[in-house]
Amino acid sequence: MSESISVDVSVDARGLFCPEPVMMLHSHFRDMSGGQVLELIATDPSTTRDVPRFCQFLGHELLRQTESEGEFHYLLRKCE
């Protein structure tokens, strides 16, 4: 059974291309508190590379990464 994760901020980056989705992450994470969860929906396949690197570089936690019908869904937790 899948764990239910409460989303604090949703970001729709569908139709945007690199580097815009990651720039949106930076912008939203700046206003979030540590421990809050952000959901990102994107259509740019480069996000499958860029979002994990964003998390690794800045120390945020990538909780979930899925792809369905050309949409990429991510759940990220801001580091404390």
PDB file of N, CA and C in Angstrom:
ATOM      1  N   MET A   1       0.840  -1.185   0.000  1.00  0.00           N
ATOM      2  CA  MET A   1       0.000   0.000   0.000  1.00  0.00           C
ATOM      3  C   MET A   1       0.884   1.247   0.000  1.00  0.00           C
ATOM      4  N   SER A   2       0.570   2.189  -0.842  1.00  0.00           N
ATOM      5  CA  SER A   2       1.385   3.389  -1.001  1.00  0.00           C
ATOM      6  C   SER A   2       1.135   4.383   0.123  1.00  0.00           C
ATOM      7  N   GLU A   3       2.227   4.952   0.624  1.00  0.00           N
ATOM      8  CA  GLU A   3       2.142   5.958   1.687  1.00  0.00           C
ATOM      9  C   GLU A   3       1.534   7.237   1.112  1.00  0.00           C
ATOM     10  N   SER A   4       0.604   7.816   1.845  1.00  0.00           N
ATOM     11  CA  SER A   4      -0.009   9.077   1.429  1.00  0.00           C
ATOM     12  C   SER A   4       0.883  10.232   1.893  1.00  0.00           C
ATOM     13  N   ILE A   5       1.233  11.098   0.968  1.00  0.00           N
ATOM     14  CA  ILE A   5       2.113  12.224   1.274  1.00  0.00           C
ATOM     15  C   ILE A   5       1.320  13.507   1.067  1.00  0.00           C
ATOM     16  N   SER A   6       1.331  14.344   2.068  1.00  0.00           N
ATOM     17  CA  SER A   6       0.632  15.617   2.004  1.00  0.00           C
ATOM     18  C   SER A   6       1.461  16.625   1.207  1.00  0.00           C
ATOM     19  N   VAL A   7       0.850  17.204   0.173  1.00  0.00           N
ATOM     20  CA  VAL A   7       1.534  18.169  -0.686  1.00  0.00           C
ATOM     21  C   VAL A   7       1.217  19.584  -0.211  1.00  0.00           C
ATOM     22  N   ASP A   8       2.253  20.379   0.000  1.00  0.00           N
ATOM     23  CA  ASP A   8       2.091  21.764   0.443  1.00  0.00           C
ATOM     24  C   ASP A   8       2.020  22.751  -0.722  1.00  0.00           C
ATOM     25  N   VAL A   9       2.768  22.471  -1.792  1.00  0.00           N
ATOM     26  CA  VAL A   9       2.842  23.373  -2.943  1.00  0.00           C
ATOM     27  C   VAL A   9       2.812  22.534  -4.219  1.00  0.00           C
ATOM     28  N   SER A  10       1.964  22.930  -5.172  1.00  0.00           N
ATOM     29  CA  SER A  10       1.925  22.261  -6.481  1.00  0.00           C
ATOM     30  C   SER A  10       2.435  23.218  -7.545  1.00  0.00           C
ATOM     31  N   VAL A  11       3.291  22.696  -8.422  1.00  0.00           N
ATOM     32  CA  VAL A  11       3.862  23.501  -9.499  1.00  0.00           C
ATOM     33  C   VAL A  11       3.569  22.798 -10.825  1.00  0.00           C
ATOM     34  N   ASP A  12       2.897  23.500 -11.719  1.00  0.00           N
ATOM     35  CA  ASP A  12       2.567  22.973 -13.038  1.00  0.00           C
ATOM     36  C   ASP A  12       3.543  23.560 -14.049  1.00  0.00           C
ATOM     37  N   ALA A  13       4.482  22.736 -14.507  1.00  0.00           N
ATOM     38  CA  ALA A  13       5.480  23.189 -15.482  1.00  0.00           C
ATOM     39  C   ALA A  13       5.246  22.523 -16.841  1.00  0.00           C
ATOM     40  N   ARG A  14       4.016  22.056 -17.068  1.00  0.00           N
ATOM     41  CA  ARG A  14       3.713  21.426 -18.357  1.00  0.00           C
ATOM     42  C   ARG A  14       3.869  22.457 -19.480  1.00  0.00           C
ATOM     43  N   GLY A  15       4.528  22.020 -20.558  1.00  0.00           N
ATOM     44  CA  GLY A  15       4.738  22.887 -21.703  1.00  0.00           C
ATOM     45  C   GLY A  15       5.992  23.738 -21.611  1.00  0.00           C
ATOM     46  N   LEU A  16       6.662  23.715 -20.471  1.00  0.00           N
ATOM     47  CA  LEU A  16       7.895  24.490 -20.298  1.00  0.00           C
ATOM     48  C   LEU A  16       9.109  23.592 -20.529  1.00  0.00           C
ATOM     49  N   PHE A  17      10.180  24.195 -21.000  1.00  0.00           N
ATOM     50  CA  PHE A  17      11.384  23.437 -21.306  1.00  0.00           C
ATOM     51  C   PHE A  17      12.567  23.946 -20.505  1.00  0.00           C
ATOM     52  N   CYS A  18      13.582  23.077 -20.385  1.00  0.00           N
ATOM     53  CA  CYS A  18      14.798  23.376 -19.657  1.00  0.00           C
ATOM     54  C   CYS A  18      15.309  24.756 -20.047  1.00  0.00           C
ATOM     55  N   PRO A  19      15.629  25.602 -19.093  1.00  0.00           N
ATOM     56  CA  PRO A  19      15.770  25.359 -17.651  1.00  0.00           C
ATOM     57  C   PRO A  19      14.562  25.810 -16.824  1.00  0.00           C
ATOM     58  N   GLU A  20      13.441  26.156 -17.476  1.00  0.00           N
ATOM     59  CA  GLU A  20      12.316  26.742 -16.752  1.00  0.00           C
ATOM     60  C   GLU A  20      11.764  25.894 -15.604  1.00  0.00           C
ATOM     61  N   PRO A  21      11.546  24.570 -15.762  1.00  0.00           N
ATOM     62  CA  PRO A  21      11.018  23.801 -14.629  1.00  0.00           C
ATOM     63  C   PRO A  21      11.906  23.881 -13.378  1.00  0.00           C
ATOM     64  N   VAL A  22      13.221  23.797 -13.551  1.00  0.00           N
ATOM     65  CA  VAL A  22      14.128  23.852 -12.400  1.00  0.00           C
ATOM     66  C   VAL A  22      14.182  25.270 -11.833  1.00  0.00           C
ATOM     67  N   MET A  23      14.065  26.282 -12.682  1.00  0.00           N
ATOM     68  CA  MET A  23      14.015  27.653 -12.182  1.00  0.00           C
ATOM     69  C   MET A  23      12.758  27.851 -11.329  1.00  0.00           C
ATOM     70  N   MET A  24      11.652  27.223 -11.734  1.00  0.00           N
ATOM     71  CA  MET A  24      10.421  27.306 -10.944  1.00  0.00           C
ATOM     72  C   MET A  24      10.611  26.617  -9.590  1.00  0.00           C
ATOM     73  N   LEU A  25      11.321  25.485  -9.592  1.00  0.00           N
ATOM     74  CA  LEU A  25      11.602  24.801  -8.320  1.00  0.00           C
ATOM     75  C   LEU A  25      12.376  25.724  -7.386  1.00  0.00           C
ATOM     76  N   HIS A  26      13.436  26.334  -7.903  1.00  0.00           N
ATOM     77  CA  HIS A  26      14.235  27.258  -7.089  1.00  0.00           C
ATOM     78  C   HIS A  26      13.353  28.352  -6.494  1.00  0.00           C
ATOM     79  N   SER A  27      12.514  28.940  -7.315  1.00  0.00           N
ATOM     80  CA  SER A  27      11.662  30.045  -6.890  1.00  0.00           C
ATOM     81  C   SER A  27      10.697  29.616  -5.783  1.00  0.00           C
ATOM     82  N   HIS A  28      10.040  28.489  -5.961  1.00  0.00           N
ATOM     83  CA  HIS A  28       9.075  28.020  -4.962  1.00  0.00           C
ATOM     84  C   HIS A  28       9.764  27.550  -3.683  1.00  0.00           C
ATOM     85  N   PHE A  29      10.877  26.847  -3.824  1.00  0.00           N
ATOM     86  CA  PHE A  29      11.586  26.345  -2.636  1.00  0.00           C
ATOM     87  C   PHE A  29      12.084  27.496  -1.770  1.00  0.00           C
ATOM     88  N   ARG A  30      12.400  28.614  -2.383  1.00  0.00           N
ATOM     89  CA  ARG A  30      12.874  29.787  -1.647  1.00  0.00           C
ATOM     90  C   ARG A  30      11.819  30.254  -0.637  1.00  0.00           C
ATOM     91  N   ASP A  31      10.541  30.124  -0.995  1.00  0.00           N
ATOM     92  CA  ASP A  31       9.444  30.595  -0.141  1.00  0.00           C
ATOM     93  C   ASP A  31       8.885  29.520   0.789  1.00  0.00           C
ATOM     94  N   MET A  32       9.396  28.302   0.696  1.00  0.00           N
ATOM     95  CA  MET A  32       8.875  27.189   1.496  1.00  0.00           C
ATOM     96  C   MET A  32       9.687  27.013   2.776  1.00  0.00           C
ATOM     97  N   SER A  33       9.066  26.365   3.753  1.00  0.00           N
ATOM     98  CA  SER A  33       9.756  26.017   4.994  1.00  0.00           C
ATOM     99  C   SER A  33      10.359  24.627   4.859  1.00  0.00           C
ATOM    100  N   GLY A  34      11.392  24.366   5.651  1.00  0.00           N
ATOM    101  CA  GLY A  34      12.004  23.054   5.666  1.00  0.00           C
ATOM    102  C   GLY A  34      10.986  21.990   6.036  1.00  0.00           C
ATOM    103  N   GLY A  35      11.022  20.868   5.325  1.00  0.00           N
ATOM    104  CA  GLY A  35      10.115  19.758   5.587  1.00  0.00           C
ATOM    105  C   GLY A  35       8.852  19.791   4.744  1.00  0.00           C
ATOM    106  N   GLN A  36       8.561  20.929   4.108  1.00  0.00           N
ATOM    107  CA  GLN A  36       7.376  20.995   3.259  1.00  0.00           C
ATOM    108  C   GLN A  36       7.608  20.217   1.969  1.00  0.00           C
ATOM    109  N   VAL A  37       6.493  19.760   1.363  1.00  0.00           N
ATOM    110  CA  VAL A  37       6.558  18.927   0.162  1.00  0.00           C
ATOM    111  C   VAL A  37       6.011  19.697  -1.038  1.00  0.00           C
ATOM    112  N   LEU A  38       6.743  19.621  -2.145  1.00  0.00           N
ATOM    113  CA  LEU A  38       6.351  20.255  -3.399  1.00  0.00           C
ATOM    114  C   LEU A  38       6.082  19.168  -4.427  1.00  0.00           C
ATOM    115  N   GLU A  39       4.993  19.340  -5.168  1.00  0.00           N
ATOM    116  CA  GLU A  39       4.672  18.455  -6.287  1.00  0.00           C
ATOM    117  C   GLU A  39       4.964  19.216  -7.569  1.00  0.00           C
ATOM    118  N   LEU A  40       5.717  18.596  -8.480  1.00  0.00           N
ATOM    119  CA  LEU A  40       6.023  19.189  -9.775  1.00  0.00           C
ATOM    120  C   LEU A  40       5.458  18.281 -10.859  1.00  0.00           C
ATOM    121  N   ILE A  41       4.723  18.893 -11.796  1.00  0.00           N
ATOM    122  CA  ILE A  41       4.246  18.170 -12.978  1.00  0.00           C
ATOM    123  C   ILE A  41       4.883  18.844 -14.183  1.00  0.00           C
ATOM    124  N   ALA A  42       5.567  18.049 -15.013  1.00  0.00           N
ATOM    125  CA  ALA A  42       6.282  18.596 -16.163  1.00  0.00           C
ATOM    126  C   ALA A  42       6.090  17.692 -17.374  1.00  0.00           C
ATOM    127  N   THR A  43       6.335  18.242 -18.555  1.00  0.00           N
ATOM    128  CA  THR A  43       6.288  17.455 -19.784  1.00  0.00           C
ATOM    129  C   THR A  43       7.656  17.364 -20.451  1.00  0.00           C
ATOM    130  N   ASP A  44       8.630  18.092 -19.952  1.00  0.00           N
ATOM    131  CA  ASP A  44       9.975  18.080 -20.529  1.00  0.00           C
ATOM    132  C   ASP A  44      10.747  16.862 -20.024  1.00  0.00           C
ATOM    133  N   PRO A  45      11.110  15.932 -20.923  1.00  0.00           N
ATOM    134  CA  PRO A  45      11.843  14.734 -20.493  1.00  0.00           C
ATOM    135  C   PRO A  45      13.169  15.038 -19.797  1.00  0.00           C
ATOM    136  N   SER A  46      13.763  16.195 -20.041  1.00  0.00           N
ATOM    137  CA  SER A  46      15.043  16.512 -19.388  1.00  0.00           C
ATOM    138  C   SER A  46      14.871  16.668 -17.878  1.00  0.00           C
ATOM    139  N   THR A  47      13.640  16.820 -17.401  1.00  0.00           N
ATOM    140  CA  THR A  47      13.431  16.907 -15.951  1.00  0.00           C
ATOM    141  C   THR A  47      13.815  15.601 -15.261  1.00  0.00           C
ATOM    142  N   THR A  48      13.786  14.480 -15.983  1.00  0.00           N
ATOM    143  CA  THR A  48      14.176  13.204 -15.361  1.00  0.00           C
ATOM    144  C   THR A  48      15.646  13.219 -14.957  1.00  0.00           C
ATOM    145  N   ARG A  49      16.423  14.052 -15.594  1.00  0.00           N
ATOM    146  CA  ARG A  49      17.834  14.245 -15.231  1.00  0.00           C
ATOM    147  C   ARG A  49      17.983  15.432 -14.293  1.00  0.00           C
ATOM    148  N   ASP A  50      17.307  16.528 -14.616  1.00  0.00           N
ATOM    149  CA  ASP A  50      17.517  17.794 -13.899  1.00  0.00           C
ATOM    150  C   ASP A  50      16.963  17.804 -12.481  1.00  0.00           C
ATOM    151  N   VAL A  51      15.787  17.224 -12.264  1.00  0.00           N
ATOM    152  CA  VAL A  51      15.175  17.274 -10.930  1.00  0.00           C
ATOM    153  C   VAL A  51      15.983  16.462  -9.909  1.00  0.00           C
ATOM    154  N   PRO A  52      16.385  15.216 -10.226  1.00  0.00           N
ATOM    155  CA  PRO A  52      17.242  14.500  -9.263  1.00  0.00           C
ATOM    156  C   PRO A  52      18.558  15.226  -8.975  1.00  0.00           C
ATOM    157  N   ARG A  53      19.159  15.844  -9.988  1.00  0.00           N
ATOM    158  CA  ARG A  53      20.403  16.609  -9.776  1.00  0.00           C
ATOM    159  C   ARG A  53      20.154  17.834  -8.898  1.00  0.00           C
ATOM    160  N   PHE A  54      19.018  18.501  -9.109  1.00  0.00           N
ATOM    161  CA  PHE A  54      18.635  19.648  -8.281  1.00  0.00           C
ATOM    162  C   PHE A  54      18.584  19.214  -6.815  1.00  0.00           C
ATOM    163  N   CYS A  55      17.930  18.074  -6.557  1.00  0.00           N
ATOM    164  CA  CYS A  55      17.811  17.575  -5.181  1.00  0.00           C
ATOM    165  C   CYS A  55      19.170  17.194  -4.612  1.00  0.00           C
ATOM    166  N   GLN A  56      19.957  16.485  -5.380  1.00  0.00           N
ATOM    167  CA  GLN A  56      21.274  16.035  -4.908  1.00  0.00           C
ATOM    168  C   GLN A  56      22.180  17.228  -4.614  1.00  0.00           C
ATOM    169  N   PHE A  57      22.195  18.198  -5.489  1.00  0.00           N
ATOM    170  CA  PHE A  57      23.077  19.352  -5.351  1.00  0.00           C
ATOM    171  C   PHE A  57      22.705  20.216  -4.151  1.00  0.00           C
ATOM    172  N   LEU A  58      21.380  20.398  -3.914  1.00  0.00           N
ATOM    173  CA  LEU A  58      20.932  21.293  -2.852  1.00  0.00           C
ATOM    174  C   LEU A  58      20.520  20.568  -1.568  1.00  0.00           C
ATOM    175  N   GLY A  59      20.565  19.238  -1.580  1.00  0.00           N
ATOM    176  CA  GLY A  59      20.272  18.477  -0.367  1.00  0.00           C
ATOM    177  C   GLY A  59      18.801  18.240  -0.094  1.00  0.00           C
ATOM    178  N   HIS A  60      17.938  18.467  -1.087  1.00  0.00           N
ATOM    179  CA  HIS A  60      16.517  18.194  -0.916  1.00  0.00           C
ATOM    180  C   HIS A  60      16.259  16.709  -1.174  1.00  0.00           C
ATOM    181  N   GLU A  61      15.091  16.231  -0.732  1.00  0.00           N
ATOM    182  CA  GLU A  61      14.767  14.808  -0.841  1.00  0.00           C
ATOM    183  C   GLU A  61      13.772  14.578  -1.969  1.00  0.00           C
ATOM    184  N   LEU A  62      14.140  13.724  -2.910  1.00  0.00           N
ATOM    185  CA  LEU A  62      13.233  13.319  -3.982  1.00  0.00           C
ATOM    186  C   LEU A  62      12.428  12.132  -3.455  1.00  0.00           C
ATOM    187  N   LEU A  63      11.167  12.369  -3.137  1.00  0.00           N
ATOM    188  CA  LEU A  63      10.319  11.348  -2.528  1.00  0.00           C
ATOM    189  C   LEU A  63       9.749  10.381  -3.559  1.00  0.00           C
ATOM    190  N   ARG A  64       9.404  10.909  -4.721  1.00  0.00           N
ATOM    191  CA  ARG A  64       8.769  10.080  -5.745  1.00  0.00           C
ATOM    192  C   ARG A  64       9.002  10.696  -7.109  1.00  0.00           C
ATOM    193  N   GLN A  65       9.205   9.827  -8.106  1.00  0.00           N
ATOM    194  CA  GLN A  65       9.387  10.251  -9.497  1.00  0.00           C
ATOM    195  C   GLN A  65       8.667   9.237 -10.369  1.00  0.00           C
ATOM    196  N   THR A  66       7.624   9.675 -11.079  1.00  0.00           N
ATOM    197  CA  THR A  66       6.868   8.772 -11.948  1.00  0.00           C
ATOM    198  C   THR A  66       6.620   9.442 -13.294  1.00  0.00           C
ATOM    199  N   GLU A  67       6.293   8.609 -14.281  1.00  0.00           N
ATOM    200  CA  GLU A  67       5.979   9.110 -15.621  1.00  0.00           C
ATOM    201  C   GLU A  67       4.718   8.411 -16.083  1.00  0.00           C
ATOM    202  N   SER A  68       3.791   9.184 -16.642  1.00  0.00           N
ATOM    203  CA  SER A  68       2.554   8.612 -17.151  1.00  0.00           C
ATOM    204  C   SER A  68       2.058   9.452 -18.317  1.00  0.00           C
ATOM    205  N   GLU A  69       1.908   8.820 -19.469  1.00  0.00           N
ATOM    206  CA  GLU A  69       1.350   9.464 -20.659  1.00  0.00           C
ATOM    207  C   GLU A  69       2.049  10.781 -21.002  1.00  0.00           C
ATOM    208  N   GLY A  70       3.370  10.772 -20.931  1.00  0.00           N
ATOM    209  CA  GLY A  70       4.148  11.942 -21.328  1.00  0.00           C
ATOM    210  C   GLY A  70       4.245  13.033 -20.275  1.00  0.00           C
ATOM    211  N   GLU A  71       3.724  12.756 -19.077  1.00  0.00           N
ATOM    212  CA  GLU A  71       3.850  13.708 -17.976  1.00  0.00           C
ATOM    213  C   GLU A  71       4.743  13.107 -16.895  1.00  0.00           C
ATOM    214  N   PHE A  72       5.593  13.953 -16.358  1.00  0.00           N
ATOM    215  CA  PHE A  72       6.527  13.536 -15.322  1.00  0.00           C
ATOM    216  C   PHE A  72       6.077  14.167 -14.009  1.00  0.00           C
ATOM    217  N   HIS A  73       5.891  13.324 -12.998  1.00  0.00           N
ATOM    218  CA  HIS A  73       5.396  13.777 -11.697  1.00  0.00           C
ATOM    219  C   HIS A  73       6.487  13.550 -10.652  1.00  0.00           C
ATOM    220  N   TYR A  74       6.732  14.568  -9.855  1.00  0.00           N
ATOM    221  CA  TYR A  74       7.765  14.516  -8.823  1.00  0.00           C
ATOM    222  C   TYR A  74       7.186  15.000  -7.509  1.00  0.00           C
ATOM    223  N   LEU A  75       7.623  14.381  -6.431  1.00  0.00           N
ATOM    224  CA  LEU A  75       7.371  14.878  -5.082  1.00  0.00           C
ATOM    225  C   LEU A  75       8.723  15.125  -4.442  1.00  0.00           C
ATOM    226  N   LEU A  76       8.940  16.339  -3.957  1.00  0.00           N
ATOM    227  CA  LEU A  76      10.215  16.717  -3.364  1.00  0.00           C
ATOM    228  C   LEU A  76       9.969  17.306  -1.988  1.00  0.00           C
ATOM    229  N   ARG A  77      10.827  16.972  -1.039  1.00  0.00           N
ATOM    230  CA  ARG A  77      10.750  17.552   0.297  1.00  0.00           C
ATOM    231  C   ARG A  77      11.927  18.508   0.473  1.00  0.00           C
ATOM    232  N   LYS A  78      11.589  19.740   0.878  1.00  0.00           N
ATOM    233  CA  LYS A  78      12.635  20.739   1.101  1.00  0.00           C
ATOM    234  C   LYS A  78      13.445  20.345   2.339  1.00  0.00           C
ATOM    235  N   CYS A  79      14.758  20.470   2.233  1.00  0.00           N
ATOM    236  CA  CYS A  79      15.606  20.145   3.370  1.00  0.00           C
ATOM    237  C   CYS A  79      15.363  21.153   4.498  1.00  0.00           C
ATOM    238  N   GLU A  80      15.645  20.716   5.708  1.00  0.00           N
ATOM    239  CA  GLU A  80      15.419  21.572   6.887  1.00  0.00           C
ATOM    240  C   GLU A  80      16.341  22.771   6.909  1.00  0.00           C
TER     241      GLU A  80
END
